[in-house]
Structures are given as C-alpha cells and as structure tokens.
Amino acid sequence: MNTRLAFALIPLMLLPMVGFGSAHWTDSVKKDYYMHAGTVEVEIVSWHVQGTNTYDVDCDGIVFGDELLITNVLDEDEEVVKLDITVDPIYPCWFLDLEIIIHNKGRLSIKADEPIVSWTIDPPPYGDPETIAGPGPISEVRTPPFWQYIYKYYILRDGDWVEVEPTTMVLKPSQVLRVKEFIHFIGQDYPELQCNWLDLHVEIPFFQYIGEEIACYHWPDLG
C-alpha cells in the first residue's frame, strides 16, 4: 500500500472509535431547585387599656363600649385588621394608655419601623376635614401642640418583655410584638377646638428581615 494512502486512511478508521467512546464517557448531574416564597403577615392578637380618664358622661356606669369604643375592623380594601378607637367626648388633660399585641403569622422574620402618623380635624373652625400634620414617620412629623403621642415596642426574651428600638429588633415567625401607646390631649389653650372631631391615625409598618449570610457548608463524603 502506498505510504501516503495509509496515512490518509488512519483518521477515517478512528472516527467510529471516537464516536463510540464519546457515547460511553459522557455523563451529567442534574439539580432541581424548589423554592417557596415566604410572607410578611401580621395580625392584632389582643389589646388592653392600661388606663384612661374618659368620662362616664351619661352616668350609666359604662365607659368601655360607650364613651370609649374600641373595635377590631377588617379593612377589605387594604386586607388588614385594624383597631378603630372612638372617644366622645375628650377634654383638656384626657389620656389613653393602650397596649396592643401583634403576632407575626407569616413565614419570614420581620422588623417593625416607627409609627406613621397623621392628625386631622373636622369640621369648623377649619372647615372640611383637614390634615393638620402628617402623614409620615413620628420622628419627622410635627406633632400638633395640643396632642402628645408616645409609643414603645417590646418583645419577649427569656420570659420577660424587653424594650426594643424600631428597625433594630427582629420578630421571628410566631413571635409577638407588644406595642405600648400613650395618647394625651393638651387642650387648655385651644378653646376653639371644642365641638370638633380630632383624628389621630397610626400605622405601624412591618418589613422583611434579611438574614445573615451562611457559607462554607458541604455534604459529607458520598463514597
């Protein structure tokens, strides 16, 4: 056989062998990831009036549910449960000391920011309902001079309620947040407010907590 012809045939003879070897030496590893998104979801579990000096105006021996009415309301538009608090009447030096227990019923750890507040007044001397301050974070909104609003957050640690600051606390799933609110009407110098409805709107925003990074984990030797 011509030497040049022999060298020309050798590559043609190897092609079937290469194809056969490739079919047997190819392998793969498959991974399927199933990830379910968590939820940020809270609910009002209970509330408690720690103290108030609301009048029993009609002298029927009933204040709660009468002059001071607090109800849980389902807001279908916003899909939240909220407290509606109506007090009639209030007067200079009136106060309400209220505590609320909020449950993290979602599947994500969350944080609570400072309350977002707004104040409105209705009707005269200012005409139609008017927002006189807010809405905005309590630390940034100018509180009307005839109102005082104080809040504090607490979480349970080793069986004790511990005060925490907004955005620094972490509320894990199934844990509860205790919110303490003190509302005080300072009306001595504002007689023009008589016969008006004053509205204080408070919203506590919650947001997901981004967990710390976990690294350097591996499975044992599979053998």
Protein backbone atom coordinates (compact mmCIF):
# COMPACT_ATOMS: atom_id res chain seq x y z
CA MET A 1 0.00 0.00 0.00
CA ASN A 2 1.21 3.41 -0.79
CA THR A 3 2.54 5.05 2.37
CA ARG A 4 0.69 8.28 1.70
CA LEU A 5 -2.58 6.36 1.20
CA ALA A 6 -2.14 4.53 4.53
CA PHE A 7 -1.76 7.77 6.47
CA ALA A 8 -4.81 9.12 4.75
CA LEU A 9 -6.98 6.15 5.84
CA ILE A 10 -5.98 6.13 9.51
CA PRO A 11 -8.20 9.14 10.52
CA LEU A 12 -11.19 7.52 8.82
CA MET A 13 -10.67 4.34 10.84
CA LEU A 14 -10.53 6.26 14.14
CA LEU A 15 -13.78 8.19 13.69
CA PRO A 16 -16.12 5.31 14.71
CA MET A 17 -13.96 4.64 17.78
CA VAL A 18 -14.11 8.26 18.87
CA GLY A 19 -17.89 8.31 18.50
CA PHE A 20 -18.27 5.07 20.46
CA GLY A 21 -16.05 6.31 23.26
CA SER A 22 -17.84 9.66 23.48
CA ALA A 23 -21.21 7.93 23.90
CA HIS A 24 -19.95 5.97 26.89
CA TRP A 25 -17.82 8.62 28.57
CA THR A 26 -20.43 11.45 28.66
CA ASP A 27 -22.22 11.98 31.95
CA SER A 28 -24.22 14.76 33.68
CA VAL A 29 -25.54 15.87 37.08
CA LYS A 30 -28.98 17.43 37.31
CA LYS A 31 -30.28 19.69 40.09
CA ASP A 32 -33.85 20.83 40.57
CA TYR A 33 -34.45 23.79 42.91
CA TYR A 34 -37.89 24.13 44.52
CA MET A 35 -38.20 27.46 46.36
CA HIS A 36 -41.37 28.70 48.02
CA ALA A 37 -41.66 32.43 48.68
CA GLY A 38 -42.32 33.45 52.29
CA THR A 39 -44.83 36.02 53.52
CA VAL A 40 -44.83 39.15 55.65
CA GLU A 41 -48.12 38.92 57.53
CA VAL A 42 -49.12 40.24 60.95
CA GLU A 43 -52.32 40.35 62.96
CA ILE A 44 -53.64 42.01 66.10
CA VAL A 45 -53.98 39.29 68.72
CA SER A 46 -55.30 41.38 71.62
CA TRP A 47 -55.42 44.84 73.08
CA HIS A 48 -55.64 46.16 76.63
CA VAL A 49 -56.49 49.56 78.08
CA GLN A 50 -53.94 50.14 80.80
CA GLY A 51 -55.57 53.38 81.92
CA THR A 52 -57.77 56.28 80.85
CA ASN A 53 -59.70 59.15 82.41
CA THR A 54 -62.58 59.07 79.93
CA TYR A 55 -65.81 60.47 81.40
CA ASP A 56 -68.95 58.43 82.02
CA VAL A 57 -70.98 61.27 80.51
CA ASP A 58 -74.42 59.65 80.59
CA CYS A 59 -73.86 58.25 84.11
CA ASP A 60 -74.90 54.73 83.16
CA GLY A 61 -71.87 53.12 84.78
CA ILE A 62 -70.44 52.09 81.40
CA VAL A 63 -67.42 53.70 79.75
CA PHE A 64 -65.95 50.90 77.64
CA GLY A 65 -68.19 50.31 74.67
CA ASP A 66 -69.96 53.61 75.31
CA GLU A 67 -67.91 56.79 75.60
CA LEU A 68 -64.79 54.77 74.73
CA LEU A 69 -65.38 52.33 71.89
CA ILE A 70 -62.60 50.08 70.55
CA THR A 71 -63.36 47.60 67.79
CA ASN A 72 -61.40 45.26 65.51
CA VAL A 73 -62.23 46.08 61.91
CA LEU A 74 -61.37 44.10 58.78
CA ASP A 75 -60.37 46.56 56.07
CA GLU A 76 -61.09 44.52 52.93
CA ASP A 77 -59.57 47.16 50.64
CA GLU A 78 -56.23 47.14 52.45
CA GLU A 79 -56.58 43.50 53.57
CA VAL A 80 -55.61 44.32 57.15
CA VAL A 81 -57.18 44.08 60.57
CA LYS A 82 -57.07 47.37 62.41
CA LEU A 83 -58.32 48.96 65.60
CA ASP A 84 -60.90 51.73 65.41
CA ILE A 85 -60.91 53.81 68.60
CA THR A 86 -63.64 56.37 69.15
CA VAL A 87 -63.74 58.58 72.26
CA ASP A 88 -66.61 61.01 72.84
CA PRO A 89 -66.04 63.39 74.49
CA ILE A 90 -62.45 64.28 75.28
CA TYR A 91 -61.32 67.32 77.22
CA PRO A 92 -58.09 69.03 78.36
CA CYS A 93 -55.78 66.51 80.09
CA TRP A 94 -57.66 63.50 78.69
CA PHE A 95 -55.42 60.47 78.11
CA LEU A 96 -55.49 56.87 76.90
CA ASP A 97 -52.83 54.30 77.81
CA LEU A 98 -53.22 51.38 75.40
CA GLU A 99 -51.27 48.16 74.82
CA ILE A 100 -51.56 46.01 71.68
CA ILE A 101 -50.15 42.53 71.00
CA ILE A 102 -49.24 41.93 67.35
CA HIS A 103 -48.44 38.44 66.08
CA ASN A 104 -46.05 37.59 63.24
CA LYS A 105 -48.12 34.92 61.49
CA GLY A 106 -46.08 34.94 58.29
CA ARG A 107 -43.13 32.70 57.43
CA LEU A 108 -40.44 35.38 57.36
CA SER A 109 -38.65 37.14 60.18
CA ILE A 110 -39.67 40.79 60.18
CA LYS A 111 -38.84 44.17 61.63
CA ALA A 112 -41.12 47.00 62.70
CA ASP A 113 -40.44 50.59 61.75
CA GLU A 114 -41.53 53.62 63.77
CA PRO A 115 -45.23 54.53 63.51
CA ILE A 116 -46.51 56.60 60.61
CA VAL A 117 -48.96 59.16 61.97
CA SER A 118 -51.32 61.86 60.77
CA TRP A 119 -53.66 64.25 62.56
CA THR A 120 -56.87 65.68 61.12
CA ILE A 121 -59.61 67.94 62.43
CA ASP A 122 -63.27 68.15 61.40
CA PRO A 123 -65.35 70.37 61.00
CA PRO A 124 -65.03 74.15 61.96
CA PRO A 125 -63.12 76.24 62.75
CA TYR A 126 -61.12 74.78 59.88
CA GLY A 127 -63.97 73.88 57.52
CA ASP A 128 -63.89 70.47 55.83
CA PRO A 129 -61.81 67.65 57.30
CA GLU A 130 -58.23 68.78 57.08
CA THR A 131 -54.94 67.05 57.71
CA ILE A 132 -53.02 69.36 60.00
CA ALA A 133 -49.90 67.18 60.31
CA GLY A 134 -48.53 64.13 58.51
CA PRO A 135 -48.77 61.52 57.28
CA GLY A 136 -45.21 60.50 57.97
CA PRO A 137 -42.85 58.87 60.48
CA ILE A 138 -43.49 60.09 64.01
CA SER A 139 -39.90 61.36 64.28
CA GLU A 140 -40.36 63.60 61.23
CA VAL A 141 -43.93 64.87 61.59
CA ARG A 142 -44.63 67.98 63.63
CA THR A 143 -46.99 66.91 66.41
CA PRO A 144 -49.81 69.45 66.93
CA PRO A 145 -49.22 71.41 70.15
CA PHE A 146 -52.45 70.13 71.70
CA TRP A 147 -51.50 66.43 71.27
CA GLN A 148 -48.96 64.13 72.86
CA TYR A 149 -48.28 60.71 71.38
CA ILE A 150 -45.69 58.31 72.85
CA TYR A 151 -45.03 54.74 71.76
CA LYS A 152 -42.73 51.89 72.80
CA TYR A 153 -42.02 48.42 71.38
CA TYR A 154 -41.35 45.28 73.44
CA ILE A 155 -40.50 41.67 72.56
CA LEU A 156 -40.31 38.59 74.78
CA ARG A 157 -36.84 37.38 75.76
CA ASP A 158 -36.48 34.56 78.27
CA GLY A 159 -39.99 35.20 79.55
CA ASP A 160 -39.56 38.97 80.09
CA TRP A 161 -40.74 41.88 77.99
CA VAL A 162 -37.70 43.79 76.76
CA GLU A 163 -37.96 47.23 75.18
CA VAL A 164 -36.53 47.40 71.66
CA GLU A 165 -35.93 50.16 69.15
CA PRO A 166 -37.60 50.30 65.73
CA THR A 167 -35.74 48.62 62.85
CA THR A 168 -33.21 47.00 65.22
CA MET A 169 -35.50 44.32 66.64
CA VAL A 170 -36.18 41.06 64.81
CA LEU A 171 -39.56 39.38 65.18
CA LYS A 172 -39.38 35.74 64.15
CA PRO A 173 -42.37 33.74 62.83
CA SER A 174 -44.93 33.03 65.59
CA GLN A 175 -43.38 35.64 67.92
CA VAL A 176 -45.34 38.65 69.17
CA LEU A 177 -44.64 42.37 69.46
CA ARG A 178 -46.07 44.39 72.34
CA VAL A 179 -46.85 47.99 71.39
CA LYS A 180 -47.48 50.48 74.18
CA GLU A 181 -49.13 53.78 73.21
CA PHE A 182 -49.87 56.83 75.32
CA ILE A 183 -52.18 59.48 73.84
CA HIS A 184 -52.69 62.77 75.69
CA PHE A 185 -54.91 65.70 74.68
CA ILE A 186 -53.45 69.02 75.84
CA GLY A 187 -56.28 71.41 75.13
CA GLN A 188 -56.18 74.09 77.80
CA ASP A 189 -55.01 76.83 75.44
CA TYR A 190 -57.21 75.83 72.49
CA PRO A 191 -60.88 76.51 73.33
CA GLU A 192 -61.66 76.78 69.60
CA LEU A 193 -61.28 73.00 69.37
CA GLN A 194 -64.47 72.43 71.34
CA CYS A 195 -67.19 70.57 69.39
CA ASN A 196 -64.67 69.31 66.82
CA TRP A 197 -63.72 65.76 65.93
CA LEU A 198 -59.98 65.18 66.17
CA ASP A 199 -58.48 62.19 64.40
CA LEU A 200 -55.15 60.53 65.13
CA HIS A 201 -54.23 57.86 62.58
CA VAL A 202 -51.39 55.49 63.47
CA GLU A 203 -49.93 52.86 61.16
CA ILE A 204 -47.09 50.52 62.13
CA PRO A 205 -45.15 49.36 59.06
CA PHE A 206 -43.54 45.92 59.01
CA PHE A 207 -40.93 44.70 56.52
CA GLN A 208 -38.94 41.53 55.94
CA TYR A 209 -35.66 40.96 57.74
CA ILE A 210 -32.72 40.00 55.54
CA GLY A 211 -30.93 37.18 57.36
CA GLU A 212 -27.23 36.86 57.92
CA GLU A 213 -25.16 35.08 55.30
CA ILE A 214 -24.50 31.37 55.81
CA ALA A 215 -21.49 29.92 53.99
CA CYS A 216 -18.99 27.05 53.82
CA TYR A 217 -21.43 24.17 54.14
CA HIS A 218 -20.97 20.87 52.26
CA TRP A 219 -22.34 17.37 52.29
CA PRO A 220 -20.33 14.52 53.81
CA ASP A 221 -18.26 12.28 51.52
CA LEU A 222 -20.71 10.26 49.43
CA GLY A 223 -18.17 7.45 48.97
